[in-house]
Amino acid sequence: MKISTRSRFTTHKIVLIGLMSALVLIFSGFRILIPISVDNAAIQLGNIMCVLSGLLLGPVGGFSCAIGSALYDLTNPMYAPEAWITFINKFFIGFFTGLIAHWHGRKSLSFRWNLSGAIVGSLVYVVLYFCKSWLMGAFLFSLSPGSPMLIFLATKCLTSTINAILAVAVAVPLWEMIRPPLLRAGVMMP
């Protein structure tokens, strides 16, 4: 039975999306909560798996990020109302990472393009997270000087940036280590 290489969603890819979604969900639970007077912020490991999803699956890796992260949010009543926002925002980490790493058939075989994709995907997420936090803060706090809005935004931006740096610093070298065995095992197609 010949599998069409033109199909974007083969059974193989759907299984990998499910596996990576589960890993994003699990690693999102490994977090250090930073309580601030107006909310919580967290340094978490889920973004590492989001970057790996993009490197493994290409742009469709964004679905793994979105599904796993949204499912994690649904397990916690504090995050559940924002699960749909998380779905959209986290999608873009894997999407842009995979788009750049797999552009023109590279299939994430170039360290330079993998690193570029991971940086762009993570930066897009930081910008989206900042916009979401700013909009939430605008509804919750007055924008007057001395309002808790500055603490809220500063903490959210700082933790989001740390998460992005951590994701790039861990995921790209990890990808370089696990890619050869994945190629040999046939998980990735060269």
Protein backbone atom coordinates (compact mmCIF):
# COMPACT_ATOMS: atom_id res chain seq x y z
CA MET A 1 0.00 0.00 0.00
CA LYS A 2 1.54 3.27 -1.10
CA ILE A 3 0.97 6.32 1.09
CA SER A 4 0.66 9.57 -0.78
CA THR A 5 3.37 12.04 0.13
CA ARG A 6 1.04 14.87 -0.86
CA SER A 7 -1.36 14.23 2.02
CA ARG A 8 -0.62 16.57 4.91
CA PHE A 9 -2.42 14.46 7.51
CA THR A 10 -1.35 10.86 7.18
CA THR A 11 -2.09 8.38 9.94
CA HIS A 12 1.57 8.61 10.89
CA LYS A 13 1.36 12.40 11.29
CA ILE A 14 -1.93 12.25 13.21
CA VAL A 15 -0.38 9.80 15.69
CA LEU A 16 2.65 12.09 16.09
CA ILE A 17 0.35 15.08 16.64
CA GLY A 18 -1.43 13.12 19.37
CA LEU A 19 1.86 12.04 20.97
CA MET A 20 3.29 15.56 20.92
CA SER A 21 -0.01 16.96 22.26
CA ALA A 22 0.30 14.59 25.22
CA LEU A 23 3.91 15.65 25.81
CA VAL A 24 2.94 19.34 25.66
CA LEU A 25 0.15 18.64 28.18
CA ILE A 26 2.48 16.77 30.55
CA PHE A 27 5.38 19.22 30.33
CA SER A 28 3.04 22.19 30.80
CA GLY A 29 2.38 20.81 34.26
CA PHE A 30 6.05 21.20 35.21
CA ARG A 31 5.97 24.81 36.30
CA ILE A 32 7.19 27.23 38.89
CA LEU A 33 4.37 29.56 39.90
CA ILE A 34 5.32 33.14 40.61
CA PRO A 35 2.56 34.74 42.67
CA ILE A 36 2.10 38.44 42.10
CA SER A 37 -0.32 40.65 43.93
CA VAL A 38 -2.78 40.72 41.04
CA ASP A 39 -2.40 37.31 39.37
CA ASN A 40 0.01 34.41 38.87
CA ALA A 41 2.77 33.96 36.35
CA ALA A 42 4.64 30.73 35.65
CA ILE A 43 7.90 29.48 34.28
CA GLN A 44 6.96 26.20 32.61
CA LEU A 45 8.41 23.55 30.34
CA GLY A 46 5.51 23.17 27.91
CA ASN A 47 7.04 25.55 25.37
CA ILE A 48 10.02 23.20 24.97
CA MET A 49 7.67 20.53 23.66
CA CYS A 50 5.92 23.13 21.50
CA VAL A 51 9.20 23.96 19.75
CA LEU A 52 9.98 20.24 19.38
CA SER A 53 6.54 19.72 17.84
CA GLY A 54 7.30 22.29 15.17
CA LEU A 55 10.73 20.78 14.49
CA LEU A 56 9.32 17.26 14.20
CA LEU A 57 6.07 17.93 12.36
CA GLY A 58 6.57 21.18 10.52
CA PRO A 59 3.82 23.81 10.59
CA VAL A 60 1.17 21.25 11.59
CA GLY A 61 3.13 20.88 14.84
CA GLY A 62 1.19 23.95 15.88
CA PHE A 63 -1.83 21.71 16.41
CA SER A 64 0.10 19.69 19.00
CA CYS A 65 0.99 22.87 20.85
CA ALA A 66 -2.57 24.16 20.70
CA ILE A 67 -4.27 20.92 21.73
CA GLY A 68 -1.87 19.99 24.53
CA SER A 69 -1.76 23.49 26.02
CA ALA A 70 -5.53 24.01 25.83
CA LEU A 71 -6.12 20.62 27.45
CA TYR A 72 -3.74 21.59 30.25
CA ASP A 73 -5.69 24.82 30.78
CA LEU A 74 -8.94 22.84 30.96
CA THR A 75 -7.52 20.75 33.82
CA ASN A 76 -7.14 23.82 36.03
CA PRO A 77 -10.19 25.96 36.88
CA MET A 78 -7.93 29.02 37.15
CA TYR A 79 -6.85 28.70 33.48
CA ALA A 80 -9.93 27.05 31.95
CA PRO A 81 -11.72 30.25 30.86
CA GLU A 82 -8.67 31.19 28.77
CA ALA A 83 -8.19 27.78 27.12
CA TRP A 84 -9.40 29.05 23.76
CA ILE A 85 -6.90 31.93 23.87
CA THR A 86 -4.13 29.52 24.81
CA PHE A 87 -5.15 27.28 21.90
CA ILE A 88 -4.67 30.15 19.46
CA ASN A 89 -1.49 31.59 21.01
CA LYS A 90 0.36 28.30 21.51
CA PHE A 91 -0.49 27.16 17.99
CA PHE A 92 1.84 29.82 16.63
CA ILE A 93 4.93 28.52 18.47
CA GLY A 94 4.84 25.21 16.62
CA PHE A 95 3.50 26.72 13.41
CA PHE A 96 6.27 29.29 12.93
CA THR A 97 8.99 26.98 14.24
CA GLY A 98 7.91 24.28 11.81
CA LEU A 99 7.29 26.67 8.94
CA ILE A 100 10.84 28.01 9.06
CA ALA A 101 12.57 24.70 9.93
CA HIS A 102 10.74 22.81 7.15
CA TRP A 103 10.67 25.61 4.53
CA HIS A 104 11.42 24.40 1.00
CA GLY A 105 11.87 20.77 2.03
CA ARG A 106 14.54 21.36 4.69
CA LYS A 107 12.65 19.02 7.05
CA SER A 108 14.47 20.49 10.08
CA LEU A 109 17.85 19.14 8.99
CA SER A 110 19.65 22.51 9.26
CA PHE A 111 20.68 23.68 12.72
CA ARG A 112 20.68 27.32 11.60
CA TRP A 113 17.10 27.16 10.27
CA ASN A 114 15.93 25.13 13.27
CA LEU A 115 17.34 27.76 15.60
CA SER A 116 15.80 30.56 13.53
CA GLY A 117 12.42 28.82 13.54
CA ALA A 118 12.53 28.23 17.29
CA ILE A 119 13.44 31.86 17.94
CA VAL A 120 10.73 33.25 15.64
CA GLY A 121 8.06 30.86 16.97
CA SER A 122 8.93 31.71 20.57
CA LEU A 123 9.07 35.46 19.90
CA VAL A 124 5.69 35.42 18.18
CA TYR A 125 4.29 33.70 21.26
CA VAL A 126 5.86 36.30 23.59
CA VAL A 127 4.26 39.11 21.57
CA LEU A 128 0.86 37.37 21.53
CA TYR A 129 1.09 36.64 25.26
CA PHE A 130 1.99 40.28 25.95
CA CYS A 131 -1.01 41.46 23.89
CA LYS A 132 -3.32 39.08 25.74
CA SER A 133 -1.92 40.20 29.11
CA TRP A 134 -2.21 43.86 28.16
CA LEU A 135 -5.85 43.42 27.10
CA MET A 136 -6.64 41.49 30.29
CA GLY A 137 -4.89 44.13 32.37
CA ALA A 138 -6.73 46.94 30.61
CA PHE A 139 -10.03 45.36 31.62
CA LEU A 140 -8.93 44.58 35.17
CA PHE A 141 -6.93 47.65 36.13
CA SER A 142 -6.98 51.33 35.46
CA LEU A 143 -4.17 52.51 33.24
CA SER A 144 -3.27 55.31 35.64
CA PRO A 145 0.30 55.68 36.89
CA GLY A 146 0.99 53.51 39.90
CA SER A 147 -1.70 51.00 39.01
CA PRO A 148 -0.92 47.29 39.41
CA MET A 149 -0.98 47.09 35.61
CA LEU A 150 2.77 47.76 35.42
CA ILE A 151 3.60 44.95 37.85
CA PHE A 152 1.16 42.66 36.06
CA LEU A 153 2.64 43.33 32.59
CA ALA A 154 6.25 43.33 33.73
CA THR A 155 5.90 39.97 35.46
CA LYS A 156 3.97 38.39 32.59
CA CYS A 157 6.50 39.64 30.03
CA LEU A 158 9.48 38.54 32.09
CA THR A 159 8.18 35.01 32.66
CA SER A 160 7.07 34.69 29.04
CA THR A 161 10.52 35.76 27.85
CA ILE A 162 12.20 33.30 30.23
CA ASN A 163 9.92 30.55 28.89
CA ALA A 164 10.87 31.47 25.32
CA ILE A 165 14.62 31.49 26.05
CA LEU A 166 14.32 28.19 27.91
CA ALA A 167 12.36 26.63 25.04
CA VAL A 168 14.95 27.63 22.43
CA ALA A 169 17.96 26.79 24.63
CA VAL A 170 16.68 23.29 25.44
CA ALA A 171 14.61 22.24 22.44
CA VAL A 172 17.05 22.99 19.62
CA PRO A 173 20.06 21.11 21.08
CA LEU A 174 17.74 18.31 22.21
CA TRP A 175 16.38 18.10 18.67
CA GLU A 176 19.92 17.79 17.30
CA MET A 177 20.48 14.82 19.65
CA ILE A 178 17.22 12.96 19.00
CA ARG A 179 16.87 13.62 15.25
CA PRO A 180 19.33 10.89 14.07
CA PRO A 181 17.62 8.09 16.06
CA LEU A 182 14.21 9.31 14.87
CA LEU A 183 15.41 9.20 11.26
CA ARG A 184 16.81 5.67 11.74
CA ALA A 185 13.56 4.53 13.37
CA GLY A 186 11.52 5.91 10.46
CA VAL A 187 9.62 8.36 12.64
CA MET A 188 10.88 11.17 10.40
CA MET A 189 11.11 10.94 6.67
CA PRO A 190 14.41 12.35 5.29
